[in-house]
Structure formats: C-alpha cells, structure tokens
Amino acid sequence: MRSLLLPVPPKINDLESSPSSISVRENNNASLVCKAEGTPDPTIRWRREDKKPIIIKRRKKEGKKGTKAGV
C-alpha cells in the first residue's frame, strides 16, 4: 500500500491570532500570536514593515518553568 501526501496551503485562524498591524511604544512589550495549520506544518515568521530586526528579550518568570518572550 502506498500513500501520497498532498500539500495543503496554510490557513490562518484569524479569531485566535493577533491583529495584522499593531503599534507599541518604545521600551514596551508586545505579545504576538499566530495560529495556522496546513500540510506540511506552516513556518511562521514575523517581520517589521521597515525591515529592521525584531529584538527578542527572553526573561524567566519567577516561580514558573519556561520563558516568556518579550518583543
């Protein structure tokens, strides 16, 4: 028996994702969420309109395992 895996274009779930455009004051944090599905699993990349790099500062939350990304 053989199987064929057909690609399925990514579908973004807008109800569970961040708006496509947000503004944040300098030195403040932003949290971005993108929920997408497809075959193969989509790769999600964030970018700024001005093409400048997005700086991610990671800090550990006290009392919990894991890290939180602040942008």
PDB file of N, CA and C in Angstrom:
ATOM      1  N   MET A   1       0.846  -1.173   0.000  1.00  0.00           N
ATOM      2  CA  MET A   1       0.000   0.000   0.000  1.00  0.00           C
ATOM      3  C   MET A   1       0.895   1.240   0.000  1.00  0.00           C
ATOM      4  N   ARG A   2       0.578   2.195  -0.808  1.00  0.00           N
ATOM      5  CA  ARG A   2       1.319   3.449  -0.873  1.00  0.00           C
ATOM      6  C   ARG A   2       0.410   4.600  -0.485  1.00  0.00           C
ATOM      7  N   SER A   3       1.026   5.638   0.030  1.00  0.00           N
ATOM      8  CA  SER A   3       0.231   6.832   0.357  1.00  0.00           C
ATOM      9  C   SER A   3       0.877   8.046  -0.287  1.00  0.00           C
ATOM     10  N   LEU A   4       0.075   9.017  -0.551  1.00  0.00           N
ATOM     11  CA  LEU A   4       0.531  10.247  -1.182  1.00  0.00           C
ATOM     12  C   LEU A   4       0.151  11.406  -0.276  1.00  0.00           C
ATOM     13  N   LEU A   5       1.149  12.201   0.114  1.00  0.00           N
ATOM     14  CA  LEU A   5       0.912  13.355   0.977  1.00  0.00           C
ATOM     15  C   LEU A   5       0.807  14.593   0.098  1.00  0.00           C
ATOM     16  N   LEU A   6      -0.367  15.160   0.040  1.00  0.00           N
ATOM     17  CA  LEU A   6      -0.576  16.352  -0.774  1.00  0.00           C
ATOM     18  C   LEU A   6      -0.451  17.597   0.087  1.00  0.00           C
ATOM     19  N   PRO A   7       0.273  18.608  -0.410  1.00  0.00           N
ATOM     20  CA  PRO A   7       0.389  19.841   0.371  1.00  0.00           C
ATOM     21  C   PRO A   7      -0.951  20.569   0.465  1.00  0.00           C
ATOM     22  N   VAL A   8      -1.192  21.142   1.637  1.00  0.00           N
ATOM     23  CA  VAL A   8      -2.385  21.947   1.874  1.00  0.00           C
ATOM     24  C   VAL A   8      -1.902  23.343   2.230  1.00  0.00           C
ATOM     25  N   PRO A   9      -2.328  24.379   1.483  1.00  0.00           N
ATOM     26  CA  PRO A   9      -1.861  25.738   1.783  1.00  0.00           C
ATOM     27  C   PRO A   9      -2.186  26.136   3.224  1.00  0.00           C
ATOM     28  N   PRO A  10      -1.343  26.981   3.826  1.00  0.00           N
ATOM     29  CA  PRO A  10      -1.602  27.404   5.204  1.00  0.00           C
ATOM     30  C   PRO A  10      -2.932  28.146   5.338  1.00  0.00           C
ATOM     31  N   LYS A  11      -3.571  27.907   6.456  1.00  0.00           N
ATOM     32  CA  LYS A  11      -4.806  28.621   6.791  1.00  0.00           C
ATOM     33  C   LYS A  11      -4.583  29.277   8.148  1.00  0.00           C
ATOM     34  N   ILE A  12      -4.697  30.589   8.208  1.00  0.00           N
ATOM     35  CA  ILE A  12      -4.508  31.319   9.465  1.00  0.00           C
ATOM     36  C   ILE A  12      -5.858  31.483  10.147  1.00  0.00           C
ATOM     37  N   ASN A  13      -5.906  31.107  11.418  1.00  0.00           N
ATOM     38  CA  ASN A  13      -7.114  31.263  12.210  1.00  0.00           C
ATOM     39  C   ASN A  13      -7.118  32.685  12.780  1.00  0.00           C
ATOM     40  N   ASP A  14      -7.822  33.584  12.099  1.00  0.00           N
ATOM     41  CA  ASP A  14      -7.844  34.994  12.491  1.00  0.00           C
ATOM     42  C   ASP A  14      -8.435  35.227  13.879  1.00  0.00           C
ATOM     43  N   LEU A  15      -9.374  34.379  14.294  1.00  0.00           N
ATOM     44  CA  LEU A  15     -10.009  34.574  15.600  1.00  0.00           C
ATOM     45  C   LEU A  15      -9.053  34.317  16.756  1.00  0.00           C
ATOM     46  N   GLU A  16      -8.020  33.473  16.532  1.00  0.00           N
ATOM     47  CA  GLU A  16      -7.065  33.143  17.592  1.00  0.00           C
ATOM     48  C   GLU A  16      -5.711  33.805  17.389  1.00  0.00           C
ATOM     49  N   SER A  17      -5.589  34.686  16.391  1.00  0.00           N
ATOM     50  CA  SER A  17      -4.318  35.330  16.078  1.00  0.00           C
ATOM     51  C   SER A  17      -4.362  36.815  16.411  1.00  0.00           C
ATOM     52  N   SER A  18      -3.179  37.398  16.545  1.00  0.00           N
ATOM     53  CA  SER A  18      -3.071  38.841  16.781  1.00  0.00           C
ATOM     54  C   SER A  18      -3.516  39.594  15.530  1.00  0.00           C
ATOM     55  N   PRO A  19      -3.925  40.858  15.692  1.00  0.00           N
ATOM     56  CA  PRO A  19      -4.248  41.667  14.507  1.00  0.00           C
ATOM     57  C   PRO A  19      -3.026  41.770  13.587  1.00  0.00           C
ATOM     58  N   SER A  20      -3.262  42.033  12.313  1.00  0.00           N
ATOM     59  CA  SER A  20      -2.149  42.076  11.355  1.00  0.00           C
ATOM     60  C   SER A  20      -1.288  43.317  11.534  1.00  0.00           C
ATOM     61  N   SER A  21      -1.768  44.310  12.256  1.00  0.00           N
ATOM     62  CA  SER A  21      -0.986  45.522  12.479  1.00  0.00           C
ATOM     63  C   SER A  21      -1.176  45.989  13.922  1.00  0.00           C
ATOM     64  N   ILE A  22      -0.067  46.171  14.632  1.00  0.00           N
ATOM     65  CA  ILE A  22      -0.138  46.711  15.988  1.00  0.00           C
ATOM     66  C   ILE A  22       0.968  47.746  16.154  1.00  0.00           C
ATOM     67  N   SER A  23       0.788  48.641  17.081  1.00  0.00           N
ATOM     68  CA  SER A  23       1.808  49.641  17.408  1.00  0.00           C
ATOM     69  C   SER A  23       2.154  49.507  18.877  1.00  0.00           C
ATOM     70  N   VAL A  24       3.440  49.651  19.183  1.00  0.00           N
ATOM     71  CA  VAL A  24       3.913  49.542  20.558  1.00  0.00           C
ATOM     72  C   VAL A  24       4.889  50.674  20.812  1.00  0.00           C
ATOM     73  N   ARG A  25       4.745  51.336  21.938  1.00  0.00           N
ATOM     74  CA  ARG A  25       5.694  52.397  22.293  1.00  0.00           C
ATOM     75  C   ARG A  25       7.066  51.798  22.580  1.00  0.00           C
ATOM     76  N   GLU A  26       8.087  52.560  22.303  1.00  0.00           N
ATOM     77  CA  GLU A  26       9.454  52.105  22.540  1.00  0.00           C
ATOM     78  C   GLU A  26       9.633  51.690  23.996  1.00  0.00           C
ATOM     79  N   ASN A  27      10.360  50.610  24.222  1.00  0.00           N
ATOM     80  CA  ASN A  27      10.643  50.026  25.534  1.00  0.00           C
ATOM     81  C   ASN A  27       9.432  49.367  26.191  1.00  0.00           C
ATOM     82  N   ASN A  28       8.337  49.183  25.461  1.00  0.00           N
ATOM     83  CA  ASN A  28       7.192  48.437  25.970  1.00  0.00           C
ATOM     84  C   ASN A  28       7.157  47.076  25.292  1.00  0.00           C
ATOM     85  N   ASN A  29       6.426  46.140  25.881  1.00  0.00           N
ATOM     86  CA  ASN A  29       6.344  44.784  25.355  1.00  0.00           C
ATOM     87  C   ASN A  29       5.138  44.607  24.449  1.00  0.00           C
ATOM     88  N   ALA A  30       5.243  43.638  23.570  1.00  0.00           N
ATOM     89  CA  ALA A  30       4.121  43.222  22.731  1.00  0.00           C
ATOM     90  C   ALA A  30       4.103  41.705  22.707  1.00  0.00           C
ATOM     91  N   SER A  31       2.921  41.136  22.712  1.00  0.00           N
ATOM     92  CA  SER A  31       2.770  39.693  22.565  1.00  0.00           C
ATOM     93  C   SER A  31       2.056  39.434  21.252  1.00  0.00           C
ATOM     94  N   LEU A  32       2.660  38.586  20.417  1.00  0.00           N
ATOM     95  CA  LEU A  32       2.097  38.278  19.113  1.00  0.00           C
ATOM     96  C   LEU A  32       1.743  36.797  19.056  1.00  0.00           C
ATOM     97  N   VAL A  33       0.569  36.495  18.511  1.00  0.00           N
ATOM     98  CA  VAL A  33       0.106  35.119  18.398  1.00  0.00           C
ATOM     99  C   VAL A  33      -0.341  34.876  16.961  1.00  0.00           C
ATOM    100  N   CYS A  34       0.085  33.762  16.396  1.00  0.00           N
ATOM    101  CA  CYS A  34      -0.385  33.354  15.075  1.00  0.00           C
ATOM    102  C   CYS A  34      -0.730  31.877  15.138  1.00  0.00           C
ATOM    103  N   LYS A  35      -1.974  31.564  14.884  1.00  0.00           N
ATOM    104  CA  LYS A  35      -2.427  30.172  14.843  1.00  0.00           C
ATOM    105  C   LYS A  35      -2.680  29.823  13.377  1.00  0.00           C
ATOM    106  N   ALA A  36      -1.917  28.856  12.860  1.00  0.00           N
ATOM    107  CA  ALA A  36      -2.054  28.449  11.465  1.00  0.00           C
ATOM    108  C   ALA A  36      -1.941  26.938  11.360  1.00  0.00           C
ATOM    109  N   GLU A  37      -2.552  26.398  10.308  1.00  0.00           N
ATOM    110  CA  GLU A  37      -2.449  24.970  10.053  1.00  0.00           C
ATOM    111  C   GLU A  37      -2.315  24.732   8.555  1.00  0.00           C
ATOM    112  N   GLY A  38      -1.744  23.612   8.211  1.00  0.00           N
ATOM    113  CA  GLY A  38      -1.553  23.230   6.814  1.00  0.00           C
ATOM    114  C   GLY A  38      -0.679  21.990   6.766  1.00  0.00           C
ATOM    115  N   THR A  39      -0.429  21.491   5.554  1.00  0.00           N
ATOM    116  CA  THR A  39       0.428  20.326   5.379  1.00  0.00           C
ATOM    117  C   THR A  39       1.454  20.643   4.309  1.00  0.00           C
ATOM    118  N   PRO A  40       2.725  20.614   4.646  1.00  0.00           N
ATOM    119  CA  PRO A  40       3.306  20.376   5.968  1.00  0.00           C
ATOM    120  C   PRO A  40       2.986  21.539   6.916  1.00  0.00           C
ATOM    121  N   ASP A  41       3.292  21.363   8.219  1.00  0.00           N
ATOM    122  CA  ASP A  41       3.033  22.426   9.183  1.00  0.00           C
ATOM    123  C   ASP A  41       3.681  23.721   8.716  1.00  0.00           C
ATOM    124  N   PRO A  42       2.922  24.829   8.726  1.00  0.00           N
ATOM    125  CA  PRO A  42       3.490  26.100   8.273  1.00  0.00           C
ATOM    126  C   PRO A  42       4.585  26.623   9.193  1.00  0.00           C
ATOM    127  N   THR A  43       5.535  27.347   8.615  1.00  0.00           N
ATOM    128  CA  THR A  43       6.553  28.063   9.368  1.00  0.00           C
ATOM    129  C   THR A  43       6.072  29.499   9.503  1.00  0.00           C
ATOM    130  N   ILE A  44       6.065  30.011  10.726  1.00  0.00           N
ATOM    131  CA  ILE A  44       5.582  31.375  10.968  1.00  0.00           C
ATOM    132  C   ILE A  44       6.780  32.278  11.191  1.00  0.00           C
ATOM    133  N   ARG A  45       6.841  33.368  10.437  1.00  0.00           N
ATOM    134  CA  ARG A  45       7.924  34.344  10.559  1.00  0.00           C
ATOM    135  C   ARG A  45       7.318  35.723  10.756  1.00  0.00           C
ATOM    136  N   TRP A  46       7.901  36.463  11.685  1.00  0.00           N
ATOM    137  CA  TRP A  46       7.447  37.816  11.966  1.00  0.00           C
ATOM    138  C   TRP A  46       8.421  38.796  11.331  1.00  0.00           C
ATOM    139  N   ARG A  47       7.901  39.916  10.842  1.00  0.00           N
ATOM    140  CA  ARG A  47       8.770  40.943  10.279  1.00  0.00           C
ATOM    141  C   ARG A  47       8.155  42.313  10.494  1.00  0.00           C
ATOM    142  N   ARG A  48       9.024  43.290  10.502  1.00  0.00           N
ATOM    143  CA  ARG A  48       8.592  44.680  10.618  1.00  0.00           C
ATOM    144  C   ARG A  48       8.458  45.264   9.224  1.00  0.00           C
ATOM    145  N   GLU A  49       7.566  46.246   9.074  1.00  0.00           N
ATOM    146  CA  GLU A  49       7.405  46.904   7.774  1.00  0.00           C
ATOM    147  C   GLU A  49       8.683  47.593   7.320  1.00  0.00           C
ATOM    148  N   ASP A  50       9.446  48.163   8.280  1.00  0.00           N
ATOM    149  CA  ASP A  50      10.660  48.894   7.925  1.00  0.00           C
ATOM    150  C   ASP A  50      11.869  47.973   7.746  1.00  0.00           C
ATOM    151  N   LYS A  51      11.638  46.669   7.819  1.00  0.00           N
ATOM    152  CA  LYS A  51      12.674  45.642   7.622  1.00  0.00           C
ATOM    153  C   LYS A  51      13.766  45.636   8.702  1.00  0.00           C
ATOM    154  N   LYS A  52      13.623  46.427   9.754  1.00  0.00           N
ATOM    155  CA  LYS A  52      14.580  46.393  10.864  1.00  0.00           C
ATOM    156  C   LYS A  52      14.381  45.094  11.636  1.00  0.00           C
ATOM    157  N   PRO A  53      15.444  44.607  12.300  1.00  0.00           N
ATOM    158  CA  PRO A  53      15.307  43.343  13.039  1.00  0.00           C
ATOM    159  C   PRO A  53      14.370  43.477  14.234  1.00  0.00           C
ATOM    160  N   ILE A  54      13.691  42.405  14.542  1.00  0.00           N
ATOM    161  CA  ILE A  54      12.865  42.337  15.745  1.00  0.00           C
ATOM    162  C   ILE A  54      13.758  41.783  16.847  1.00  0.00           C
ATOM    163  N   ILE A  55      13.897  42.534  17.919  1.00  0.00           N
ATOM    164  CA  ILE A  55      14.752  42.128  19.033  1.00  0.00           C
ATOM    165  C   ILE A  55      13.885  41.428  20.067  1.00  0.00           C
ATOM    166  N   ILE A  56      14.257  40.204  20.385  1.00  0.00           N
ATOM    167  CA  ILE A  56      13.501  39.421  21.367  1.00  0.00           C
ATOM    168  C   ILE A  56      14.336  39.297  22.625  1.00  0.00           C
ATOM    169  N   LYS A  57      13.783  39.776  23.710  1.00  0.00           N
ATOM    170  CA  LYS A  57      14.435  39.665  25.014  1.00  0.00           C
ATOM    171  C   LYS A  57      13.703  38.586  25.780  1.00  0.00           C
ATOM    172  N   ARG A  58      14.420  37.569  26.174  1.00  0.00           N
ATOM    173  CA  ARG A  58      13.800  36.482  26.932  1.00  0.00           C
ATOM    174  C   ARG A  58      14.111  36.655  28.408  1.00  0.00           C
ATOM    175  N   ARG A  59      13.100  36.473  29.215  1.00  0.00           N
ATOM    176  CA  ARG A  59      13.294  36.550  30.660  1.00  0.00           C
ATOM    177  C   ARG A  59      12.469  35.445  31.292  1.00  0.00           C
ATOM    178  N   LYS A  60      12.983  34.911  32.380  1.00  0.00           N
ATOM    179  CA  LYS A  60      12.276  33.848  33.082  1.00  0.00           C
ATOM    180  C   LYS A  60      11.271  34.462  34.040  1.00  0.00           C
ATOM    181  N   LYS A  61      10.081  33.861  34.057  1.00  0.00           N
ATOM    182  CA  LYS A  61       9.086  34.276  35.033  1.00  0.00           C
ATOM    183  C   LYS A  61       9.428  33.620  36.353  1.00  0.00           C
ATOM    184  N   GLU A  62       9.291  34.342  37.428  1.00  0.00           N
ATOM    185  CA  GLU A  62       9.589  33.773  38.738  1.00  0.00           C
ATOM    186  C   GLU A  62       8.543  32.741  39.115  1.00  0.00           C
ATOM    187  N   GLY A  63       9.020  31.619  39.622  1.00  0.00           N
ATOM    188  CA  GLY A  63       8.107  30.593  40.131  1.00  0.00           C
ATOM    189  C   GLY A  63       7.543  29.672  39.080  1.00  0.00           C
ATOM    190  N   LYS A  64       7.856  29.875  37.797  1.00  0.00           N
ATOM    191  CA  LYS A  64       7.329  29.008  36.750  1.00  0.00           C
ATOM    192  C   LYS A  64       8.470  28.548  35.869  1.00  0.00           C
ATOM    193  N   LYS A  65       8.298  27.345  35.303  1.00  0.00           N
ATOM    194  CA  LYS A  65       9.284  26.828  34.363  1.00  0.00           C
ATOM    195  C   LYS A  65       9.038  27.449  32.999  1.00  0.00           C
ATOM    196  N   GLY A  66      10.108  27.558  32.210  1.00  0.00           N
ATOM    197  CA  GLY A  66       9.976  28.099  30.862  1.00  0.00           C
ATOM    198  C   GLY A  66      10.305  29.567  30.818  1.00  0.00           C
ATOM    199  N   THR A  67      10.189  30.120  29.632  1.00  0.00           N
ATOM    200  CA  THR A  67      10.497  31.526  29.452  1.00  0.00           C
ATOM    201  C   THR A  67       9.364  32.222  28.748  1.00  0.00           C
ATOM    202  N   LYS A  68       9.360  33.528  28.847  1.00  0.00           N
ATOM    203  CA  LYS A  68       8.387  34.347  28.148  1.00  0.00           C
ATOM    204  C   LYS A  68       9.158  35.260  27.225  1.00  0.00           C
ATOM    205  N   ALA A  69       8.749  35.331  25.983  1.00  0.00           N
ATOM    206  CA  ALA A  69       9.435  36.192  25.028  1.00  0.00           C
ATOM    207  C   ALA A  69       8.794  37.568  25.060  1.00  0.00           C
ATOM    208  N   GLY A  70       9.608  38.567  25.233  1.00  0.00           N
ATOM    209  CA  GLY A  70       9.130  39.948  25.144  1.00  0.00           C
ATOM    210  C   GLY A  70       9.713  40.563  23.900  1.00  0.00           C
ATOM    211  N   VAL A  71       8.885  41.234  23.133  1.00  0.00           N
ATOM    212  CA  VAL A  71       9.338  41.855  21.893  1.00  0.00           C
ATOM    213  C   VAL A  71       9.350  43.345  22.078  1.00  0.00           C
TER     214      VAL A  71
END
